[in-house]
Amino acid sequence: MTTWISRRMLNSTLTLALLGGTAAWVWPFVQASRRMEQFCESLRVGEDWAAVQARARALGYEWQGPPHTVLVDPLSFGRRSCAVQFGPQGLTAAHYGTPP
């Protein structure tokens, strides 16, 4: 009886440790997607390119595409991005989503 209880406790502990470790490993990727969405939504029309670039660089985002049109978070492996468009007056549009 004691061996059965000890084995069951060991199995339960190992299962919880496995689940906790998996959650801890996945959490940064989930947060990266949320953080990118918040960043993209915080961009305002008229913001100049240098300000957007400084904010993106501070968060570790990378520019991709033709001259600086898509921001990608390396943690999301490019699955989520923020497409930005600039005009003579600064930022004209920012769209969060999945790149084509």
Protein backbone atom coordinates (compact mmCIF):
# COMPACT_ATOMS: atom_id res chain seq x y z
CA MET A 1 0.00 0.00 0.00
CA THR A 2 2.77 2.46 0.92
CA THR A 3 4.63 1.72 -2.31
CA TRP A 4 1.49 2.39 -4.34
CA ILE A 5 0.92 5.76 -2.61
CA SER A 6 4.58 6.75 -3.02
CA ARG A 7 4.55 5.81 -6.69
CA ARG A 8 1.30 7.72 -7.26
CA MET A 9 2.73 10.82 -5.54
CA LEU A 10 5.89 10.58 -7.63
CA ASN A 11 3.89 10.26 -10.84
CA SER A 12 1.67 13.20 -9.88
CA THR A 13 4.68 15.34 -9.00
CA LEU A 14 6.45 14.51 -12.27
CA THR A 15 3.27 15.22 -14.26
CA LEU A 16 2.84 18.62 -12.58
CA ALA A 17 6.50 19.44 -13.15
CA LEU A 18 6.19 18.51 -16.83
CA LEU A 19 3.06 20.63 -17.28
CA GLY A 20 4.60 23.56 -15.40
CA GLY A 21 7.80 23.36 -17.41
CA THR A 22 5.89 23.27 -20.69
CA ALA A 23 3.80 26.28 -19.64
CA ALA A 24 6.93 28.21 -18.62
CA TRP A 25 8.52 27.40 -21.99
CA VAL A 26 5.47 28.47 -24.04
CA TRP A 27 4.56 31.62 -22.05
CA PRO A 28 7.15 33.97 -23.65
CA PHE A 29 5.78 33.16 -27.11
CA VAL A 30 2.22 33.92 -26.01
CA GLN A 31 3.34 37.18 -24.43
CA ALA A 32 5.27 38.16 -27.56
CA SER A 33 2.09 38.06 -29.62
CA ARG A 34 0.16 40.16 -27.09
CA ARG A 35 2.99 42.66 -26.77
CA MET A 36 3.23 43.09 -30.55
CA GLU A 37 -0.52 43.71 -30.79
CA GLN A 38 -0.36 46.34 -28.02
CA PHE A 39 2.61 48.02 -29.67
CA CYS A 40 0.93 48.16 -33.07
CA GLU A 41 -2.29 49.54 -31.59
CA SER A 42 -0.33 52.21 -29.70
CA LEU A 43 1.13 53.68 -32.92
CA ARG A 44 -0.56 56.94 -33.84
CA VAL A 45 -1.09 58.47 -37.25
CA GLY A 46 1.46 61.23 -37.86
CA GLU A 47 4.20 59.70 -35.71
CA ASP A 48 7.55 60.13 -37.42
CA TRP A 49 9.68 57.24 -38.61
CA ALA A 50 12.49 57.85 -36.11
CA ALA A 51 10.10 57.67 -33.14
CA VAL A 52 8.53 54.43 -34.37
CA GLN A 53 11.96 52.96 -35.05
CA ALA A 54 13.23 53.90 -31.57
CA ARG A 55 10.20 52.36 -29.87
CA ALA A 56 10.48 49.20 -31.99
CA ARG A 57 14.20 48.87 -31.33
CA ALA A 58 13.62 49.25 -27.57
CA LEU A 59 11.30 46.23 -27.67
CA GLY A 60 13.66 44.18 -29.86
CA TYR A 61 11.51 44.18 -32.99
CA GLU A 62 13.05 43.78 -36.43
CA TRP A 63 12.15 45.57 -39.68
CA GLN A 64 11.40 43.42 -42.72
CA GLY A 65 10.08 43.93 -46.21
CA PRO A 66 10.69 46.74 -48.63
CA PRO A 67 12.11 49.75 -46.94
CA HIS A 68 10.89 49.24 -43.41
CA THR A 69 7.27 48.26 -43.86
CA VAL A 70 6.79 45.33 -41.48
CA LEU A 71 7.82 44.96 -37.84
CA VAL A 72 8.37 41.39 -36.65
CA ASP A 73 9.11 40.08 -33.16
CA PRO A 74 11.80 37.38 -33.29
CA LEU A 75 10.05 35.48 -30.48
CA SER A 76 6.95 34.99 -32.62
CA PHE A 77 9.04 33.54 -35.49
CA GLY A 78 7.32 35.93 -37.88
CA ARG A 79 3.82 34.58 -37.21
CA ARG A 80 2.59 37.96 -35.98
CA SER A 81 3.64 41.32 -37.32
CA CYS A 82 2.78 44.99 -37.49
CA ALA A 83 2.57 46.36 -41.02
CA VAL A 84 3.25 50.10 -41.06
CA GLN A 85 2.92 52.68 -43.82
CA PHE A 86 4.65 56.04 -43.85
CA GLY A 87 3.88 59.10 -45.92
CA PRO A 88 5.29 62.62 -46.04
CA GLN A 89 3.44 63.51 -42.82
CA GLY A 90 4.71 60.45 -40.91
CA LEU A 91 2.87 57.25 -40.06
CA THR A 92 -0.30 56.82 -42.11
CA ALA A 93 -1.40 53.30 -41.03
CA ALA A 94 -0.44 50.42 -38.75
CA HIS A 95 -2.06 46.99 -38.96
CA TYR A 96 -1.44 44.05 -36.62
CA GLY A 97 -1.88 40.56 -38.01
CA THR A 98 -0.40 37.57 -39.74
CA PRO A 99 1.88 38.37 -42.66
CA PRO A 100 0.83 37.02 -46.06
